């Protein structure tokens, strides 16, 4: 389970870096990538943490999906 926790941390760190990059250089393509990584984090939480997806991530997913259209 430690490896999976580390993997989740890596996904979240990558997501934070992508969002910082988007703030400096916004683009539809980058918004799509961010949306994809949010989906991966929520999928990871559902699959490995056996818990409901955090409402915060659901809101983020909707927001980035809207930006990527």
N, C-alpha and C. Protein backbone atom coordinates (compact mmCIF):
# COMPACT_ATOMS: atom_id res chain seq x y z
N UNK A 1 0.82 -1.19 0.00
CA UNK A 1 0.00 0.00 0.00
C UNK A 1 0.86 1.26 0.00
N UNK A 2 2.10 1.17 0.51
CA UNK A 2 2.99 2.33 0.54
C UNK A 2 3.31 2.79 -0.88
N UNK A 3 3.55 1.84 -1.80
CA UNK A 3 3.83 2.21 -3.19
C UNK A 3 2.67 2.96 -3.80
N UNK A 4 1.47 2.53 -3.54
CA UNK A 4 0.29 3.17 -4.10
C UNK A 4 0.14 4.57 -3.54
N UNK A 5 0.42 4.75 -2.27
CA UNK A 5 0.36 6.07 -1.66
C UNK A 5 1.40 6.99 -2.30
N UNK A 6 2.57 6.45 -2.57
CA UNK A 6 3.63 7.22 -3.23
C UNK A 6 3.19 7.58 -4.65
N UNK A 7 2.53 6.65 -5.34
CA UNK A 7 2.06 6.91 -6.69
C UNK A 7 1.02 8.03 -6.69
N UNK A 8 0.14 8.02 -5.71
CA UNK A 8 -0.87 9.08 -5.59
C UNK A 8 -0.19 10.42 -5.35
N UNK A 9 0.81 10.44 -4.51
CA UNK A 9 1.55 11.68 -4.25
C UNK A 9 2.22 12.18 -5.52
N UNK A 10 2.76 11.28 -6.32
CA UNK A 10 3.39 11.67 -7.58
C UNK A 10 2.37 12.26 -8.54
N UNK A 11 1.19 11.65 -8.62
CA UNK A 11 0.13 12.17 -9.49
C UNK A 11 -0.29 13.57 -9.05
N UNK A 12 -0.45 13.74 -7.74
CA UNK A 12 -0.86 15.04 -7.23
C UNK A 12 0.22 16.09 -7.43
N UNK A 13 1.48 15.72 -7.27
CA UNK A 13 2.58 16.66 -7.50
C UNK A 13 2.64 17.08 -8.97
N UNK A 14 2.49 16.12 -9.86
CA UNK A 14 2.49 16.39 -11.30
C UNK A 14 1.32 17.31 -11.64
N UNK A 15 0.17 17.05 -11.05
CA UNK A 15 -1.01 17.87 -11.28
C UNK A 15 -0.78 19.30 -10.80
N UNK A 16 -0.17 19.47 -9.65
CA UNK A 16 0.13 20.81 -9.13
C UNK A 16 1.08 21.55 -10.07
N UNK A 17 2.08 20.86 -10.59
CA UNK A 17 3.03 21.48 -11.52
C UNK A 17 2.32 21.90 -12.81
N UNK A 18 1.42 21.05 -13.31
CA UNK A 18 0.68 21.37 -14.53
C UNK A 18 -0.21 22.60 -14.32
N UNK A 19 -0.85 22.68 -13.17
CA UNK A 19 -1.71 23.83 -12.89
C UNK A 19 -0.89 25.11 -12.78
N UNK A 20 0.28 25.04 -12.17
CA UNK A 20 1.18 26.22 -12.10
C UNK A 20 1.59 26.65 -13.51
N UNK A 21 1.90 25.68 -14.35
CA UNK A 21 2.27 25.98 -15.73
C UNK A 21 1.10 26.62 -16.47
N UNK A 22 -0.10 26.12 -16.23
CA UNK A 22 -1.29 26.68 -16.88
C UNK A 22 -1.50 28.13 -16.49
N UNK A 23 -1.24 28.45 -15.24
CA UNK A 23 -1.41 29.83 -14.77
C UNK A 23 -0.49 30.78 -15.54
N UNK A 24 0.69 30.32 -15.91
CA UNK A 24 1.64 31.15 -16.65
C UNK A 24 1.37 31.14 -18.15
N UNK A 25 0.92 29.98 -18.65
CA UNK A 25 0.73 29.80 -20.09
C UNK A 25 -0.57 29.03 -20.34
N UNK A 26 -1.72 29.67 -20.17
CA UNK A 26 -2.98 28.95 -20.35
C UNK A 26 -3.19 28.50 -21.80
N UNK A 27 -3.69 27.30 -21.95
CA UNK A 27 -4.03 26.78 -23.28
C UNK A 27 -5.06 25.68 -23.12
N UNK A 28 -5.84 25.47 -24.17
CA UNK A 28 -6.86 24.43 -24.16
C UNK A 28 -6.21 23.05 -24.03
N UNK A 29 -5.10 22.86 -24.72
CA UNK A 29 -4.40 21.57 -24.67
C UNK A 29 -3.93 21.23 -23.26
N UNK A 30 -3.37 22.20 -22.58
CA UNK A 30 -2.89 21.98 -21.21
C UNK A 30 -4.07 21.73 -20.27
N UNK A 31 -5.17 22.43 -20.50
CA UNK A 31 -6.37 22.19 -19.69
C UNK A 31 -6.85 20.75 -19.86
N UNK A 32 -6.76 20.21 -21.08
CA UNK A 32 -7.14 18.82 -21.33
C UNK A 32 -6.24 17.86 -20.57
N UNK A 33 -4.95 18.15 -20.54
CA UNK A 33 -4.00 17.30 -19.82
C UNK A 33 -4.30 17.35 -18.31
N UNK A 34 -4.58 18.52 -17.79
CA UNK A 34 -4.91 18.66 -16.37
C UNK A 34 -6.19 17.87 -16.06
N UNK A 35 -7.18 17.99 -16.91
CA UNK A 35 -8.42 17.24 -16.72
C UNK A 35 -8.14 15.75 -16.70
N UNK A 36 -7.28 15.29 -17.59
CA UNK A 36 -6.91 13.87 -17.64
C UNK A 36 -6.27 13.43 -16.32
N UNK A 37 -5.35 14.22 -15.79
CA UNK A 37 -4.68 13.84 -14.54
C UNK A 37 -5.62 13.90 -13.34
N UNK A 38 -6.58 14.79 -13.35
CA UNK A 38 -7.57 14.80 -12.28
C UNK A 38 -8.38 13.50 -12.35
N UNK A 39 -8.72 13.07 -13.56
CA UNK A 39 -9.43 11.79 -13.71
C UNK A 39 -8.59 10.63 -13.18
N UNK A 40 -7.29 10.67 -13.43
CA UNK A 40 -6.41 9.60 -12.93
C UNK A 40 -6.37 9.57 -11.42
N UNK A 41 -6.30 10.76 -10.79
CA UNK A 41 -6.27 10.83 -9.33
C UNK A 41 -7.57 10.29 -8.75
N UNK A 42 -8.69 10.70 -9.30
CA UNK A 42 -9.97 10.23 -8.77
C UNK A 42 -10.14 8.72 -9.01
N UNK A 43 -9.69 8.25 -10.15
CA UNK A 43 -9.74 6.82 -10.43
C UNK A 43 -8.85 6.05 -9.46
N UNK A 44 -7.68 6.58 -9.20
CA UNK A 44 -6.74 5.97 -8.27
C UNK A 44 -7.37 5.88 -6.88
N UNK A 45 -7.98 6.97 -6.44
CA UNK A 45 -8.60 6.97 -5.11
C UNK A 45 -9.72 5.94 -5.03
N UNK A 46 -10.51 5.85 -6.07
CA UNK A 46 -11.61 4.87 -6.07
C UNK A 46 -11.08 3.45 -6.05
N UNK A 47 -10.04 3.20 -6.84
CA UNK A 47 -9.54 1.84 -7.00
C UNK A 47 -8.72 1.36 -5.81
N UNK A 48 -7.83 2.22 -5.30
CA UNK A 48 -6.88 1.77 -4.29
C UNK A 48 -7.21 2.22 -2.87
N UNK A 49 -7.81 3.36 -2.73
CA UNK A 49 -8.10 3.85 -1.38
C UNK A 49 -9.45 3.35 -0.89
N UNK A 50 -10.25 2.80 -1.80
CA UNK A 50 -11.57 2.26 -1.45
C UNK A 50 -12.39 3.29 -0.69
N UNK A 51 -12.36 4.50 -1.19
CA UNK A 51 -13.15 5.55 -0.56
C UNK A 51 -13.83 6.37 -1.65
N UNK A 52 -14.81 7.09 -1.25
CA UNK A 52 -15.50 7.95 -2.21
C UNK A 52 -14.56 9.06 -2.66
N UNK A 53 -14.69 9.46 -3.89
CA UNK A 53 -13.85 10.52 -4.42
C UNK A 53 -14.14 11.81 -3.68
N UNK A 54 -13.10 12.51 -3.32
CA UNK A 54 -13.21 13.78 -2.64
C UNK A 54 -14.04 14.74 -3.49
N UNK A 55 -14.99 15.41 -2.87
CA UNK A 55 -15.86 16.36 -3.58
C UNK A 55 -15.02 17.45 -4.25
N UNK A 56 -13.91 17.81 -3.64
CA UNK A 56 -13.01 18.83 -4.19
C UNK A 56 -12.53 18.41 -5.59
N UNK A 57 -12.15 17.16 -5.74
CA UNK A 57 -11.68 16.68 -7.04
C UNK A 57 -12.80 16.65 -8.06
N UNK A 58 -14.01 16.35 -7.62
CA UNK A 58 -15.14 16.36 -8.55
C UNK A 58 -15.37 17.77 -9.09
N UNK A 59 -15.27 18.76 -8.22
CA UNK A 59 -15.42 20.16 -8.66
C UNK A 59 -14.30 20.55 -9.60
N UNK A 60 -13.08 20.16 -9.27
CA UNK A 60 -11.94 20.46 -10.13
C UNK A 60 -12.12 19.81 -11.50
N UNK A 61 -12.59 18.58 -11.51
CA UNK A 61 -12.77 17.86 -12.76
C UNK A 61 -13.77 18.59 -13.66
N UNK A 62 -14.86 19.03 -13.10
CA UNK A 62 -15.86 19.78 -13.89
C UNK A 62 -15.27 21.08 -14.41
N UNK A 63 -14.53 21.80 -13.58
CA UNK A 63 -13.94 23.08 -13.98
C UNK A 63 -12.95 22.89 -15.13
N UNK A 64 -12.04 21.93 -15.00
CA UNK A 64 -11.04 21.73 -16.04
C UNK A 64 -11.64 21.14 -17.30
N UNK A 65 -12.70 20.38 -17.17
CA UNK A 65 -13.39 19.89 -18.35
C UNK A 65 -13.99 21.07 -19.11
N UNK A 66 -14.56 22.01 -18.38
CA UNK A 66 -15.14 23.21 -18.99
C UNK A 66 -14.06 24.03 -19.70
N UNK A 67 -12.89 24.18 -19.07
CA UNK A 67 -11.80 24.95 -19.68
C UNK A 67 -11.24 24.27 -20.92
N UNK A 68 -11.32 22.95 -20.97
CA UNK A 68 -10.70 22.23 -22.08
C UNK A 68 -11.61 22.11 -23.29
N UNK A 69 -12.78 22.70 -23.25
CA UNK A 69 -13.70 22.60 -24.38
C UNK A 69 -13.54 23.76 -25.32
